[in-house]
Amino acid sequence: MPVELATWRPLWDFSAVLFVLGIAGGLTSRDRASWWISQGLLLLSILIGFAAAQVTHADVDLFSLGIWVPIAWGLSAWSKFRRQGAR
């Protein structure tokens, strides 16, 4: 198990960084391309995070982790509509 943790822990940390960058990018995006890039970062972070969680903890409940997907996309979509309404 220590070998697995040493292998997958950096990926877990990397997914957390990508998640924060995706949220920040979604909230501060000024055009459509940057918004889609932020959504890609969010999706990539969630996929890497789920893979790392599943490998390091075999009994992890991915449903409870999956609650962050709609929250992240909701925040990003809210920021997009908020910017369109301000114009």
Protein backbone atom coordinates (compact mmCIF):
# COMPACT_ATOMS: atom_id res chain seq x y z
CA MET A 1 0.00 0.00 0.00
CA PRO A 2 2.76 2.60 0.69
CA VAL A 3 3.97 2.18 -2.89
CA GLU A 4 0.50 2.93 -4.22
CA LEU A 5 0.14 6.00 -2.03
CA ALA A 6 3.54 7.28 -3.09
CA THR A 7 2.50 6.84 -6.71
CA TRP A 8 -1.02 8.24 -6.57
CA ARG A 9 -0.69 11.01 -3.96
CA PRO A 10 0.95 13.48 -6.41
CA LEU A 11 -1.89 12.87 -8.88
CA TRP A 12 -4.43 13.61 -6.15
CA ASP A 13 -2.64 16.87 -5.35
CA PHE A 14 -2.42 17.70 -9.07
CA SER A 15 -6.16 17.15 -9.47
CA ALA A 16 -6.84 19.49 -6.55
CA VAL A 17 -4.73 22.20 -8.18
CA LEU A 18 -6.52 21.69 -11.52
CA PHE A 19 -9.87 21.90 -9.74
CA VAL A 20 -9.02 25.24 -8.15
CA LEU A 21 -7.68 26.57 -11.45
CA GLY A 22 -10.83 25.42 -13.24
CA ILE A 23 -13.12 27.13 -10.73
CA ALA A 24 -11.04 30.31 -10.78
CA GLY A 25 -10.94 30.29 -14.57
CA GLY A 26 -14.69 29.81 -14.78
CA LEU A 27 -15.38 32.65 -12.39
CA THR A 28 -13.02 35.08 -14.13
CA SER A 29 -13.47 34.10 -17.77
CA ARG A 30 -14.11 36.95 -20.15
CA ASP A 31 -14.81 35.06 -23.37
CA ARG A 32 -16.22 31.75 -24.50
CA ALA A 33 -12.85 30.10 -25.20
CA SER A 34 -11.46 30.73 -21.73
CA TRP A 35 -14.72 29.50 -20.18
CA TRP A 36 -14.49 26.22 -22.12
CA ILE A 37 -10.84 25.81 -21.13
CA SER A 38 -11.81 26.21 -17.49
CA GLN A 39 -14.52 23.57 -17.93
CA GLY A 40 -11.96 21.23 -19.47
CA LEU A 41 -9.69 21.77 -16.47
CA LEU A 42 -12.59 20.95 -14.15
CA LEU A 43 -13.42 17.77 -16.01
CA LEU A 44 -9.79 16.66 -16.11
CA SER A 45 -9.34 17.35 -12.41
CA ILE A 46 -12.43 15.36 -11.53
CA LEU A 47 -11.39 12.39 -13.65
CA ILE A 48 -7.86 12.33 -12.21
CA GLY A 49 -9.19 12.80 -8.69
CA PHE A 50 -11.70 9.97 -9.03
CA ALA A 51 -9.02 7.65 -10.44
CA ALA A 52 -6.60 8.48 -7.63
CA ALA A 53 -9.30 8.08 -4.97
CA GLN A 54 -10.45 4.75 -6.36
CA VAL A 55 -6.92 3.33 -6.46
CA THR A 56 -5.79 4.52 -3.04
CA HIS A 57 -9.06 3.71 -1.25
CA ALA A 58 -10.88 0.73 -2.69
CA ASP A 59 -13.98 1.35 -0.55
CA VAL A 60 -14.32 5.03 -1.44
CA ASP A 61 -17.85 6.17 -2.23
CA LEU A 62 -17.63 8.01 -5.54
CA PHE A 63 -21.22 9.22 -5.26
CA SER A 64 -20.40 11.49 -2.34
CA LEU A 65 -17.35 12.79 -4.20
CA GLY A 66 -19.52 13.35 -7.27
CA ILE A 67 -21.47 16.10 -5.53
CA TRP A 68 -18.59 18.44 -6.39
CA VAL A 69 -19.19 18.06 -10.13
CA PRO A 70 -22.56 19.87 -10.20
CA ILE A 71 -21.33 22.42 -7.65
CA ALA A 72 -18.28 23.27 -9.75
CA TRP A 73 -20.24 23.47 -13.01
CA GLY A 74 -23.01 25.42 -11.33
CA LEU A 75 -20.56 28.03 -10.07
CA SER A 76 -18.97 28.33 -13.49
CA ALA A 77 -22.31 28.56 -15.28
CA TRP A 78 -23.57 31.12 -12.76
CA SER A 79 -20.55 33.31 -13.42
CA LYS A 80 -21.12 33.04 -17.18
CA PHE A 81 -24.78 34.10 -16.92
CA ARG A 82 -23.94 36.82 -14.41
CA ARG A 83 -21.47 38.36 -16.88
CA GLN A 84 -23.97 38.19 -19.73
CA GLY A 85 -26.61 39.93 -17.63
CA ALA A 86 -24.23 42.76 -16.71
CA ARG A 87 -23.74 43.78 -20.34
